[in-house]
């Protein structure tokens, strides 16, 4: 079973990254290698063996002296060997999260039914930075049409839901719980 968090910590600890910049170098190399291998037919089906993958990577890295690149090479080979290469994107996201935590960057996911205006995003970032006292905010925007309108913020395990969908669900519960009510309003049954 693949655990992105365990693999990410192994990547960071194996690199003995005493500073975040070295870790970021390894992450950049890992992203480049994963991207290159995603374009190779058969990379997951087994026609591209771990030995072939390592050979291709080593020839591409010939002359490059970097702890990050070496670790990225070993990681890609191990992902292929263990049959976990399909999880490489999850691993990269988790490494990014850990490195951002180390740098004091707060990752915030903003989900909305429609794209949010840049002014709203900038204001939201400033207010979050003031409220959380984080050095920097990394705002990741995602479209979630099921919200119908409004937005939902996710910060770590916390969530702030200001969506139209939630408001409609709460209204339905309130109407059903109305004293003496039958759960209907305006001819609609809730």
Protein backbone atom coordinates (compact mmCIF):
# COMPACT_ATOMS: atom_id res chain seq x y z
CA UNK A 1 0.00 0.00 0.00
CA UNK A 2 1.36 3.43 -1.00
CA UNK A 3 1.59 6.23 1.57
CA UNK A 4 2.58 9.55 -0.01
CA UNK A 5 3.44 11.00 3.40
CA UNK A 6 5.84 8.17 4.29
CA UNK A 7 7.53 8.33 0.89
CA UNK A 8 7.80 12.14 1.11
CA UNK A 9 9.44 12.01 4.54
CA UNK A 10 11.77 9.27 3.31
CA UNK A 11 12.73 11.48 0.34
CA UNK A 12 13.41 14.47 2.60
CA UNK A 13 15.23 12.48 5.30
CA UNK A 14 17.32 10.46 2.82
CA UNK A 15 18.53 13.69 1.31
CA UNK A 16 19.60 15.01 4.71
CA UNK A 17 18.32 18.35 3.49
CA UNK A 18 19.75 20.69 6.07
CA UNK A 19 18.18 23.61 4.27
CA UNK A 20 14.93 23.92 2.38
CA UNK A 21 16.66 25.09 -0.81
CA UNK A 22 18.48 21.77 -1.19
CA UNK A 23 15.16 19.99 -0.72
CA UNK A 24 13.61 22.17 -3.38
CA UNK A 25 16.44 21.28 -5.79
CA UNK A 26 15.64 17.61 -5.25
CA UNK A 27 11.96 18.32 -5.77
CA UNK A 28 12.63 20.17 -9.04
CA UNK A 29 14.71 17.22 -10.27
CA UNK A 30 12.02 14.76 -9.19
CA UNK A 31 9.32 16.73 -11.03
CA UNK A 32 11.43 16.80 -14.20
CA UNK A 33 12.14 13.08 -14.07
CA UNK A 34 8.53 12.11 -13.34
CA UNK A 35 7.35 14.36 -16.17
CA UNK A 36 9.81 12.75 -18.58
CA UNK A 37 8.75 9.23 -17.60
CA UNK A 38 5.04 10.00 -17.86
CA UNK A 39 5.62 10.44 -21.60
CA UNK A 40 7.20 7.01 -22.07
CA UNK A 41 4.77 4.31 -23.23
CA UNK A 42 4.84 1.23 -21.03
CA UNK A 43 6.40 2.95 -18.03
CA UNK A 44 3.82 1.42 -15.73
CA UNK A 45 2.93 -1.75 -17.60
CA UNK A 46 6.37 -3.20 -17.10
CA UNK A 47 7.92 -2.79 -20.54
CA UNK A 48 10.15 -0.12 -19.01
CA UNK A 49 12.10 -1.89 -16.28
CA UNK A 50 13.68 -0.20 -13.31
CA UNK A 51 17.13 -0.95 -14.78
CA UNK A 52 16.17 0.68 -18.09
CA UNK A 53 14.71 3.66 -16.23
CA UNK A 54 17.86 4.07 -14.18
CA UNK A 55 20.01 3.83 -17.32
CA UNK A 56 17.98 6.52 -19.08
CA UNK A 57 18.07 8.81 -16.06
CA UNK A 58 21.78 8.34 -15.44
CA UNK A 59 22.63 9.10 -19.08
CA UNK A 60 20.47 12.25 -18.93
CA UNK A 61 22.17 13.32 -15.68
CA UNK A 62 25.71 12.58 -16.83
CA UNK A 63 28.00 15.24 -15.38
CA UNK A 64 25.39 16.66 -13.01
CA UNK A 65 26.67 16.67 -9.43
CA UNK A 66 23.66 17.26 -7.20
CA UNK A 67 22.41 15.45 -4.12
CA UNK A 68 18.88 16.39 -5.10
CA UNK A 69 19.21 14.96 -8.62
CA UNK A 70 20.75 11.74 -7.30
CA UNK A 71 17.98 11.30 -4.76
CA UNK A 72 15.33 12.06 -7.41
CA UNK A 73 16.87 9.41 -9.66
CA UNK A 74 16.81 6.81 -6.89
CA UNK A 75 13.23 7.73 -6.00
CA UNK A 76 11.94 7.35 -9.56
CA UNK A 77 13.70 4.01 -9.93
CA UNK A 78 12.26 2.79 -6.63
CA UNK A 79 8.76 3.97 -7.57
CA UNK A 80 9.00 1.98 -10.80
CA UNK A 81 10.51 -1.05 -9.08
CA UNK A 82 7.77 -1.14 -6.43
CA UNK A 83 4.99 -0.50 -8.96
CA UNK A 84 4.09 2.85 -7.39
CA UNK A 85 5.01 5.17 -10.25
CA UNK A 86 1.32 6.02 -10.78
CA UNK A 87 1.44 7.66 -7.32
CA UNK A 88 4.32 10.00 -8.21
CA UNK A 89 2.06 13.08 -8.47
CA UNK A 90 0.72 12.45 -4.95
CA UNK A 91 4.30 12.07 -3.71
CA UNK A 92 5.32 15.37 -5.30
CA UNK A 93 2.34 17.18 -3.74
CA UNK A 94 3.23 15.78 -0.31
CA UNK A 95 6.90 16.78 -0.62
CA UNK A 96 5.75 20.29 -1.61
CA UNK A 97 3.48 20.43 1.44
CA UNK A 98 6.25 19.39 3.83
CA UNK A 99 8.76 21.85 2.36
CA UNK A 100 6.18 24.64 2.53
CA UNK A 101 5.54 23.80 6.19
CA UNK A 102 9.27 24.03 6.87
CA UNK A 103 9.38 27.47 5.21
CA UNK A 104 6.35 28.72 7.13
CA UNK A 105 4.14 28.86 4.06
CA UNK A 106 0.48 28.17 4.72
CA UNK A 107 -1.23 26.17 1.95
CA UNK A 108 -4.86 27.14 1.44
CA UNK A 109 -7.17 25.47 -1.05
CA UNK A 110 -9.92 27.70 -2.41
CA UNK A 111 -12.71 25.74 -4.10
CA UNK A 112 -15.38 27.65 -6.01
CA UNK A 113 -18.15 26.91 -8.47
CA UNK A 114 -16.77 29.51 -10.90
CA UNK A 115 -13.32 31.08 -11.21
CA UNK A 116 -12.78 33.70 -8.51
CA UNK A 117 -11.75 37.25 -9.37
CA UNK A 118 -8.02 38.01 -8.84
CA UNK A 119 -8.91 40.94 -6.56
CA UNK A 120 -10.92 38.62 -4.29
CA UNK A 121 -8.02 36.14 -4.20
CA UNK A 122 -5.52 38.88 -3.31
CA UNK A 123 -7.78 40.22 -0.55
CA UNK A 124 -8.34 36.70 0.78
CA UNK A 125 -4.59 36.03 0.87
CA UNK A 126 -3.91 39.27 2.78
CA UNK A 127 -6.65 38.59 5.33
CA UNK A 128 -5.54 34.99 5.84
CA UNK A 129 -1.97 36.13 6.31
CA UNK A 130 -3.09 38.64 8.95
CA UNK A 131 -5.34 36.16 10.76
CA UNK A 132 -2.89 33.24 10.74
CA UNK A 133 0.30 35.32 11.05
CA UNK A 134 1.90 33.13 8.37
CA UNK A 135 4.88 34.49 6.50
CA UNK A 136 3.32 33.59 3.20
CA UNK A 137 0.10 32.08 1.88
CA UNK A 138 0.02 29.69 -1.06
CA UNK A 139 -3.49 29.86 -2.47
CA UNK A 140 -4.43 26.89 -4.64
CA UNK A 141 -7.64 27.41 -6.61
CA UNK A 142 -9.84 24.54 -7.73
CA UNK A 143 -13.16 24.55 -9.54
CA UNK A 144 -15.95 22.66 -7.75
CA UNK A 145 -19.21 23.17 -9.67
CA UNK A 146 -21.12 21.09 -7.09
CA UNK A 147 -20.84 24.07 -4.70
CA UNK A 148 -23.34 25.95 -6.95
CA UNK A 149 -21.97 29.31 -5.76
CA UNK A 150 -19.78 30.82 -3.08
CA UNK A 151 -16.61 29.08 -2.01
CA UNK A 152 -15.02 26.61 0.40
CA UNK A 153 -11.62 27.08 2.02
CA UNK A 154 -9.49 24.18 3.23
CA UNK A 155 -6.53 24.86 5.48
CA UNK A 156 -4.96 21.62 6.60
CA UNK A 157 -7.73 19.57 8.20
CA UNK A 158 -9.93 22.64 8.77
CA UNK A 159 -12.66 23.70 6.35
CA UNK A 160 -14.72 26.86 6.00
CA UNK A 161 -17.74 26.30 3.77
CA UNK A 162 -19.43 29.44 2.43
CA UNK A 163 -21.08 27.70 -0.49
CA UNK A 164 -24.61 28.06 -1.81
CA UNK A 165 -24.97 24.28 -1.65
CA UNK A 166 -24.38 24.23 2.12
CA UNK A 167 -26.75 27.15 2.65
CA UNK A 168 -29.51 25.33 0.73
CA UNK A 169 -28.90 22.14 2.73
CA UNK A 170 -29.15 24.08 6.00
CA UNK A 171 -32.35 25.78 4.83
CA UNK A 172 -33.90 22.40 4.01
CA UNK A 173 -33.03 21.07 7.48
CA UNK A 174 -34.44 24.21 9.10
CA UNK A 175 -37.71 23.95 7.15
CA UNK A 176 -38.10 20.26 8.03
CA UNK A 177 -37.56 21.02 11.70
CA UNK A 178 -40.06 23.92 11.81
CA UNK A 179 -42.63 23.42 14.64
CA UNK A 180 -46.02 22.32 13.35
CA UNK A 181 -44.61 22.11 9.84
CA UNK A 182 -45.00 19.13 7.61
CA UNK A 183 -41.75 19.72 5.86
CA UNK A 184 -43.36 21.55 2.97
CA UNK A 185 -43.00 25.17 2.02
CA UNK A 186 -44.47 26.94 -0.94
CA UNK A 187 -45.78 23.67 -2.33
CA UNK A 188 -42.35 22.06 -2.26
CA UNK A 189 -41.69 18.99 -0.18
CA UNK A 190 -38.38 18.92 1.67
